Amino acid sequence: MRIVLSVAVGVVLLLVFGSLLASADAVFAGLVDSLLPTADEDAVGSAVVLFVVGAALVAGTALVLAAPPVLTLTVPQPTRLRTLDWAVPVGLVVALFAVFVGVQFAALFGSDEYVQATTGLTFAEYARSGFWQLLAVSALALGVILAGIRWAPAASAVDRSTKRLLLGAMAVLCLVIVASALRRMWLYQQAYGFTVLRLLVGACELWLGLAFLLALLAVLRLRPTGTVRPMVATAVGALLLLAVLDPERLVAQQNATRFAVTGDLDSEYLSRLSADAVPALLELPDSPVRTCILATIAARSAPDPDEDWRSANLSRAAAQGAVGHLAGLTDRTGGGDPLFGGGGRYPGLDEPACSLS
């Protein structure tokens, strides 16, 4: 409390003397304005919320460190479920998954002619039609498996065999469903291009596949606890890996590679990416489309004269050094494009600027 009180007194003194000195000298006032954040209603509101949440977390952590709670291990109560109570619904779901997986092997892992003959859709359209549903099925099925691991009885040999058989079969079938969802997403991206959202959803599916492997291991070992913690740890690891890979740069690189093979490019989407994508976009062949994409990103990433050192960003700085000279070639007001004429079109082309695909 003495330290807190002394810090509070020091802050009050800084505010009093600092305001007086700032009002006395314009140069010093400018230095103070550049160091202190601009106060507005939105900024103050968000700062208050973040401070309250952060203070609560710090206070809770300090309490746990100063007075750690005494944890007592209790023997889990035996479940009141009978094997028949959970085996019937889970068995029906397993049978449904088995039929679905059989169809997937015949359709999604088959030929394009088979898919068109049975559904009237191309591979890309077929992949697009069911990915989100498969993602939801995978997440729900994982919850069912975790519930079965925790509450399904394992008192007798028959109980343990039934538990391993049904839950293990569901985990294996779900792995095939995850593989089907990933293949759908891959086909979809090959047909329509790569986006950050599609990359993140694919990463989520990969994590679900790892989670099913952990669940399968827990089922075979009949461990009712200790499964959720490794799943959370792998999820955190996946987030860190995505941060290292830089999703926007990876997406831009994949689209550049796809353009070299197919000649298709979603320039409108690429122009909406941040400065992180500039190094990969520089690999595109020199063309009006490439120039327009880079010019749009450069204009959007141009430094604001009102920003100070707190807005520093390494990717934006590198992008300004590489393509900053293109920022003046686009008209961000929407009234036209000086690079390609007042109508915002490419020379000799009848397509709007940055909208070719």
Protein backbone atom coordinates (compact mmCIF):
# COMPACT_ATOMS: atom_id res chain seq x y z
CA MET A 1 0.00 0.00 0.00
CA ARG A 2 2.88 2.38 0.67
CA ILE A 3 4.27 1.79 -2.81
CA VAL A 4 0.84 2.32 -4.36
CA LEU A 5 0.34 5.51 -2.38
CA SER A 6 3.75 6.88 -3.38
CA VAL A 7 3.11 6.12 -7.06
CA ALA A 8 -0.28 7.83 -6.86
CA VAL A 9 1.25 10.93 -5.31
CA GLY A 10 3.92 10.97 -8.03
CA VAL A 11 1.29 10.72 -10.78
CA VAL A 12 -0.65 13.63 -9.28
CA LEU A 13 2.52 15.74 -9.12
CA LEU A 14 3.36 14.89 -12.73
CA LEU A 15 -0.11 15.93 -13.86
CA VAL A 16 0.03 19.24 -11.98
CA PHE A 17 3.54 20.28 -12.95
CA GLY A 18 3.32 18.81 -16.44
CA SER A 19 0.16 20.74 -17.29
CA LEU A 20 1.69 23.96 -15.96
CA LEU A 21 4.91 23.50 -17.95
CA ALA A 22 3.01 22.54 -21.10
CA SER A 23 0.93 25.70 -20.87
CA ALA A 24 4.09 27.74 -20.38
CA ASP A 25 6.08 26.54 -23.41
CA ALA A 26 4.74 25.66 -26.84
CA VAL A 27 7.65 23.35 -27.76
CA PHE A 28 7.25 21.35 -24.56
CA ALA A 29 3.49 21.28 -25.13
CA GLY A 30 4.08 19.74 -28.56
CA LEU A 31 6.29 17.05 -27.04
CA VAL A 32 3.62 16.25 -24.45
CA ASP A 33 0.92 16.07 -27.14
CA SER A 34 2.99 13.64 -29.20
CA LEU A 35 3.50 11.35 -26.18
CA LEU A 36 0.00 11.39 -24.75
CA PRO A 37 -2.88 9.62 -26.52
CA THR A 38 -5.69 11.62 -28.08
CA ALA A 39 -8.75 11.45 -25.84
CA ASP A 40 -12.09 10.83 -27.50
CA GLU A 41 -15.24 9.02 -26.40
CA ASP A 42 -14.56 5.78 -28.26
CA ALA A 43 -10.92 5.61 -27.16
CA VAL A 44 -11.77 6.37 -23.52
CA GLY A 45 -14.57 3.80 -23.49
CA SER A 46 -12.43 1.01 -24.93
CA ALA A 47 -9.53 1.96 -22.64
CA VAL A 48 -11.78 1.73 -19.57
CA VAL A 49 -13.09 -1.69 -20.59
CA LEU A 50 -9.60 -3.02 -21.31
CA PHE A 51 -8.30 -1.61 -18.03
CA VAL A 52 -11.09 -3.23 -16.00
CA VAL A 53 -10.57 -6.61 -17.70
CA GLY A 54 -6.78 -6.40 -17.36
CA ALA A 55 -7.00 -5.30 -13.72
CA ALA A 56 -9.33 -8.19 -12.94
CA LEU A 57 -6.93 -10.68 -14.54
CA VAL A 58 -3.92 -9.23 -12.72
CA ALA A 59 -5.80 -9.17 -9.38
CA GLY A 60 -6.92 -12.77 -9.83
CA THR A 61 -3.41 -13.89 -10.71
CA ALA A 62 -1.98 -12.05 -7.71
CA LEU A 63 -4.56 -13.67 -5.43
CA VAL A 64 -3.71 -17.14 -6.70
CA LEU A 65 0.01 -16.48 -6.19
CA ALA A 66 -0.38 -14.88 -2.76
CA ALA A 67 -2.97 -17.29 -1.38
CA PRO A 68 -3.18 -20.38 -3.60
CA PRO A 69 -6.38 -22.34 -3.06
CA VAL A 70 -6.20 -25.74 -1.44
CA LEU A 71 -7.25 -28.34 -3.98
CA THR A 72 -8.72 -31.59 -2.73
CA LEU A 73 -8.95 -34.55 -5.04
CA THR A 74 -12.33 -36.26 -4.96
CA VAL A 75 -13.12 -39.64 -6.37
CA PRO A 76 -15.54 -39.16 -9.30
CA GLN A 77 -18.95 -40.58 -8.67
CA PRO A 78 -19.85 -43.58 -10.81
CA THR A 79 -22.09 -42.69 -13.72
CA ARG A 80 -25.75 -43.65 -13.57
CA LEU A 81 -25.83 -44.37 -17.28
CA ARG A 82 -26.16 -47.93 -18.44
CA THR A 83 -24.37 -49.11 -21.56
CA LEU A 84 -27.66 -49.42 -23.43
CA ASP A 85 -28.59 -45.82 -22.55
CA TRP A 86 -25.76 -44.28 -24.54
CA ALA A 87 -24.87 -47.11 -26.94
CA VAL A 88 -28.14 -46.89 -28.87
CA PRO A 89 -27.98 -43.20 -29.86
CA VAL A 90 -24.22 -43.27 -30.42
CA GLY A 91 -24.53 -46.47 -32.45
CA LEU A 92 -27.14 -44.85 -34.70
CA VAL A 93 -24.83 -41.88 -35.29
CA VAL A 94 -21.93 -44.22 -36.04
CA ALA A 95 -24.08 -46.07 -38.60
CA LEU A 96 -25.05 -42.76 -40.19
CA PHE A 97 -21.41 -41.66 -40.37
CA ALA A 98 -20.46 -45.00 -41.92
CA VAL A 99 -23.01 -44.55 -44.72
CA PHE A 100 -21.84 -40.99 -45.30
CA VAL A 101 -18.18 -42.01 -45.45
CA GLY A 102 -19.06 -44.69 -47.99
CA VAL A 103 -20.73 -42.08 -50.16
CA GLN A 104 -17.72 -39.79 -49.77
CA PHE A 105 -15.33 -42.44 -51.03
CA ALA A 106 -17.50 -42.93 -54.08
CA ALA A 107 -18.14 -39.25 -54.79
CA LEU A 108 -15.53 -36.87 -53.44
CA PHE A 109 -12.64 -39.28 -53.86
CA GLY A 110 -13.96 -40.46 -57.19
CA SER A 111 -13.97 -38.84 -60.61
CA ASP A 112 -15.46 -35.59 -61.85
CA GLU A 113 -17.71 -37.50 -64.25
CA TYR A 114 -19.22 -39.49 -61.38
CA VAL A 115 -20.01 -36.34 -59.41
CA GLN A 116 -21.60 -34.64 -62.40
CA ALA A 117 -23.66 -37.71 -63.23
CA THR A 118 -25.01 -38.13 -59.69
CA THR A 119 -25.39 -34.52 -58.54
CA GLY A 120 -25.24 -32.37 -61.66
CA LEU A 121 -22.44 -30.32 -60.05
CA THR A 122 -18.80 -29.89 -60.88
CA PHE A 123 -16.12 -30.84 -58.37
CA ALA A 124 -15.69 -27.21 -57.30
CA GLU A 125 -19.44 -26.65 -56.88
CA TYR A 126 -19.77 -29.94 -55.00
CA ALA A 127 -16.93 -28.98 -52.69
CA ARG A 128 -18.50 -25.58 -52.01
CA SER A 129 -21.93 -27.02 -51.28
CA GLY A 130 -21.12 -28.89 -48.07
CA PHE A 131 -17.95 -27.71 -46.41
CA TRP A 132 -19.55 -25.63 -43.67
CA GLN A 133 -21.96 -28.43 -42.81
CA LEU A 134 -19.07 -30.86 -42.45
CA LEU A 135 -17.28 -28.40 -40.20
CA ALA A 136 -20.33 -28.20 -37.94
CA VAL A 137 -20.70 -31.99 -37.93
CA SER A 138 -17.06 -32.41 -36.93
CA ALA A 139 -17.35 -29.98 -34.03
CA LEU A 140 -20.58 -31.55 -32.74
CA ALA A 141 -19.21 -35.08 -33.08
CA LEU A 142 -16.15 -34.11 -31.07
CA GLY A 143 -18.44 -32.96 -28.27
CA VAL A 144 -20.31 -36.30 -28.37
CA ILE A 145 -17.04 -38.24 -28.15
CA LEU A 146 -15.77 -36.15 -25.23
CA ALA A 147 -19.08 -36.64 -23.41
CA GLY A 148 -18.88 -40.38 -24.02
CA ILE A 149 -15.30 -40.52 -22.75
CA ARG A 150 -16.38 -38.79 -19.56
CA TRP A 151 -19.73 -40.38 -18.73
CA ALA A 152 -20.02 -43.69 -20.58
CA PRO A 153 -19.71 -46.55 -18.01
CA ALA A 154 -16.63 -48.78 -18.03
CA ALA A 155 -17.26 -51.02 -15.05
CA SER A 156 -17.35 -54.40 -16.78
CA ALA A 157 -15.47 -55.91 -19.67
CA VAL A 158 -18.55 -55.59 -21.87
CA ASP A 159 -18.86 -51.90 -20.98
CA ARG A 160 -15.24 -51.24 -21.81
CA SER A 161 -15.39 -53.13 -25.11
CA THR A 162 -18.57 -51.31 -26.16
CA LYS A 163 -17.06 -47.97 -25.20
CA ARG A 164 -13.90 -48.58 -27.18
CA LEU A 165 -15.79 -49.94 -30.19
CA LEU A 166 -18.45 -47.24 -30.61
CA LEU A 167 -16.48 -44.17 -29.59
CA GLY A 168 -13.39 -45.39 -31.42
CA ALA A 169 -15.41 -46.05 -34.57
CA MET A 170 -16.94 -42.55 -34.34
CA ALA A 171 -13.49 -40.97 -33.96
CA VAL A 172 -12.13 -42.87 -36.97
CA LEU A 173 -15.14 -42.00 -39.12
CA CYS A 174 -14.86 -38.37 -38.06
CA LEU A 175 -11.25 -38.37 -39.21
CA VAL A 176 -12.47 -39.41 -42.64
CA ILE A 177 -15.11 -36.64 -42.53
CA VAL A 178 -12.40 -34.12 -41.62
CA ALA A 179 -10.31 -35.36 -44.54
CA SER A 180 -13.36 -34.95 -46.79
CA ALA A 181 -13.92 -31.38 -45.55
CA LEU A 182 -10.27 -30.53 -46.13
CA ARG A 183 -10.41 -31.94 -49.65
CA ARG A 184 -13.56 -29.92 -50.33
CA MET A 185 -11.83 -26.75 -49.15
CA TRP A 186 -8.77 -27.51 -51.26
CA LEU A 187 -10.88 -28.05 -54.38
CA TYR A 188 -12.82 -24.89 -53.58
CA GLN A 189 -9.66 -22.83 -53.26
CA GLN A 190 -8.20 -24.29 -56.44
CA ALA A 191 -11.35 -23.23 -58.28
CA TYR A 192 -12.04 -19.83 -56.71
CA GLY A 193 -8.75 -18.75 -55.15
CA PHE A 194 -7.27 -18.55 -51.67
CA THR A 195 -8.58 -16.20 -48.97
CA VAL A 196 -7.66 -15.63 -45.35
CA LEU A 197 -11.05 -16.93 -44.17
CA ARG A 198 -10.66 -20.14 -46.14
CA LEU A 199 -7.14 -20.58 -44.77
CA LEU A 200 -8.33 -20.10 -41.18
CA VAL A 201 -11.22 -22.51 -41.63
CA GLY A 202 -8.88 -25.09 -43.13
CA ALA A 203 -6.55 -24.66 -40.16
CA CYS A 204 -9.54 -25.21 -37.87
CA GLU A 205 -10.31 -28.45 -39.66
CA LEU A 206 -6.70 -29.59 -39.28
CA TRP A 207 -6.93 -28.90 -35.56
CA LEU A 208 -10.18 -30.89 -35.39
CA GLY A 209 -8.37 -33.81 -36.99
CA LEU A 210 -5.68 -33.62 -34.32
CA ALA A 211 -8.37 -33.36 -31.64
CA PHE A 212 -10.01 -36.54 -32.94
CA LEU A 213 -6.67 -38.33 -32.77
CA LEU A 214 -6.29 -37.26 -29.13
CA ALA A 215 -9.85 -38.37 -28.44
CA LEU A 216 -9.21 -41.74 -30.10
CA LEU A 217 -6.14 -42.23 -27.92
CA ALA A 218 -8.18 -41.41 -24.81
CA VAL A 219 -10.90 -43.87 -25.86
CA LEU A 220 -8.46 -46.71 -26.40
CA ARG A 221 -6.80 -46.02 -23.04
CA LEU A 222 -10.19 -45.50 -21.31
CA ARG A 223 -9.06 -42.26 -19.70
CA PRO A 224 -12.12 -40.21 -18.66
CA THR A 225 -10.07 -37.06 -18.00
CA GLY A 226 -6.99 -35.32 -19.34
CA THR A 227 -8.18 -34.92 -22.93
CA VAL A 228 -9.36 -31.31 -23.02
CA ARG A 229 -6.08 -29.82 -21.81
CA PRO A 230 -3.97 -31.23 -24.68
CA MET A 231 -6.64 -30.04 -27.13
CA VAL A 232 -6.46 -26.50 -25.74
CA ALA A 233 -2.65 -26.61 -25.85
CA THR A 234 -2.64 -27.70 -29.50
CA ALA A 235 -5.17 -24.97 -30.33
CA VAL A 236 -2.88 -22.33 -28.79
CA GLY A 237 0.04 -23.81 -30.71
CA ALA A 238 -1.97 -23.62 -33.94
CA LEU A 239 -2.73 -19.93 -33.32
CA LEU A 240 0.95 -19.20 -32.72
CA LEU A 241 1.89 -21.09 -35.89
CA LEU A 242 -0.63 -19.07 -37.91
CA ALA A 243 0.83 -15.85 -36.50
CA VAL A 244 4.32 -16.95 -37.57
CA LEU A 245 3.16 -17.97 -41.05
CA ASP A 246 1.43 -14.57 -41.58
CA PRO A 247 -1.94 -15.59 -43.16
CA GLU A 248 -2.27 -12.65 -45.57
CA ARG A 249 1.22 -13.12 -46.95
CA LEU A 250 0.66 -16.87 -47.30
CA VAL A 251 -2.66 -16.32 -49.08
CA ALA A 252 -1.10 -13.81 -51.48
CA GLN A 253 1.73 -16.22 -52.22
CA GLN A 254 -0.69 -19.07 -52.95
CA ASN A 255 -2.74 -16.85 -55.25
CA ALA A 256 0.42 -15.79 -57.08
CA THR A 257 1.35 -19.46 -57.56
CA ARG A 258 -2.17 -20.26 -58.74
CA PHE A 259 -2.03 -17.37 -61.20
CA ALA A 260 1.19 -18.72 -62.71
CA VAL A 261 -0.55 -22.05 -63.37
CA THR A 262 -4.13 -21.08 -64.28
CA GLY A 263 -3.94 -17.39 -65.21
CA ASP A 264 -6.82 -16.64 -62.82
CA LEU A 265 -6.42 -13.86 -60.27
CA ASP A 266 -8.94 -12.27 -57.91
CA SER A 267 -7.39 -8.82 -58.04
CA GLU A 268 -10.26 -7.17 -56.20
CA TYR A 269 -9.76 -9.39 -53.15
CA LEU A 270 -5.97 -9.10 -53.25
CA SER A 271 -6.21 -5.30 -53.33
CA ARG A 272 -8.08 -5.45 -50.00
CA LEU A 273 -5.23 -7.22 -48.21
CA SER A 274 -2.89 -5.40 -45.86
CA ALA A 275 0.77 -4.52 -46.29
CA ASP A 276 1.69 -8.04 -45.12
CA ALA A 277 0.80 -9.31 -48.60
CA VAL A 278 3.10 -6.94 -50.53
CA PRO A 279 6.24 -9.18 -50.58
CA ALA A 280 4.26 -12.05 -52.10
CA LEU A 281 2.39 -9.81 -54.56
CA LEU A 282 5.69 -8.48 -55.87
CA GLU A 283 6.26 -11.97 -57.29
CA LEU A 284 3.37 -11.45 -59.76
CA PRO A 285 4.38 -10.69 -63.36
CA ASP A 286 4.68 -6.99 -64.08
CA SER A 287 1.32 -5.86 -65.48
CA PRO A 288 -1.33 -3.16 -65.02
CA VAL A 289 -3.25 -5.50 -62.71
CA ARG A 290 -0.23 -6.00 -60.46
CA THR A 291 0.47 -2.28 -60.42
CA CYS A 292 -3.11 -1.46 -59.55
CA ILE A 293 -3.22 -3.99 -56.69
CA LEU A 294 0.03 -2.73 -55.20
CA ALA A 295 -0.97 0.90 -55.68
CA THR A 296 -4.25 0.32 -53.84
CA ILE A 297 -2.49 -1.33 -50.91
CA ALA A 298 0.20 1.37 -50.87
CA ALA A 299 -2.43 4.12 -50.80
CA ARG A 300 -4.30 2.46 -47.96
CA SER A 301 -1.08 1.83 -46.02
CA ALA A 302 0.32 5.31 -46.48
CA PRO A 303 1.31 6.91 -43.17
CA ASP A 304 -1.17 9.34 -41.67
CA PRO A 305 0.36 12.71 -40.77
CA ASP A 306 -1.61 12.65 -37.50
CA GLU A 307 -0.14 9.29 -36.43
CA ASP A 308 2.81 9.08 -34.05
CA TRP A 309 5.31 6.43 -32.94
CA ARG A 310 2.60 4.26 -31.41
CA SER A 311 1.28 3.49 -34.89
CA ALA A 312 4.60 2.12 -36.11
CA ASN A 313 4.28 -1.12 -38.09
CA LEU A 314 7.12 -3.07 -39.67
CA SER A 315 5.06 -4.48 -42.56
CA ARG A 316 3.67 -1.07 -43.49
CA ALA A 317 7.13 0.47 -43.33
CA ALA A 318 8.56 -2.26 -45.60
CA ALA A 319 5.63 -1.89 -48.01
CA GLN A 320 6.13 1.86 -48.19
CA GLY A 321 9.78 1.31 -49.02
CA ALA A 322 8.91 -1.15 -51.79
CA VAL A 323 5.73 0.25 -53.37
CA GLY A 324 5.14 3.57 -51.61
CA HIS A 325 5.85 5.43 -54.84
CA LEU A 326 2.68 3.88 -56.31
CA ALA A 327 0.38 5.36 -53.68
CA GLY A 328 -0.34 8.45 -55.76
CA LEU A 329 -1.45 6.42 -58.80
CA THR A 330 -4.87 5.55 -57.39
CA ASP A 331 -7.75 7.78 -56.50
CA ARG A 332 -9.12 6.66 -53.14
CA THR A 333 -12.08 9.02 -53.40
CA GLY A 334 -13.74 6.83 -56.01
CA GLY A 335 -13.84 9.56 -58.66
CA GLY A 336 -11.52 7.81 -61.09
CA ASP A 337 -8.08 6.34 -61.44
CA PRO A 338 -5.31 8.68 -62.62
CA LEU A 339 -3.13 5.69 -63.52
CA PHE A 340 -5.61 4.26 -66.01
CA GLY A 341 -7.57 7.34 -66.99
CA GLY A 342 -10.41 9.31 -65.43
CA GLY A 343 -12.85 6.44 -65.88
CA GLY A 344 -10.84 4.13 -63.67
CA ARG A 345 -10.13 1.60 -66.42
CA TYR A 346 -7.03 -0.03 -67.84
CA PRO A 347 -5.71 1.31 -71.12
CA GLY A 348 -7.15 -0.73 -73.94
CA LEU A 349 -9.35 -2.84 -71.65
CA ASP A 350 -13.06 -2.64 -70.94
CA GLU A 351 -12.79 -3.78 -67.33
CA PRO A 352 -12.79 -1.52 -64.25
CA ALA A 353 -9.46 -1.02 -62.50
CA CYS A 354 -8.59 -3.73 -59.96
CA SER A 355 -11.65 -5.82 -60.72
CA LEU A 356 -10.19 -8.36 -63.13
CA SER A 357 -10.42 -11.99 -62.07
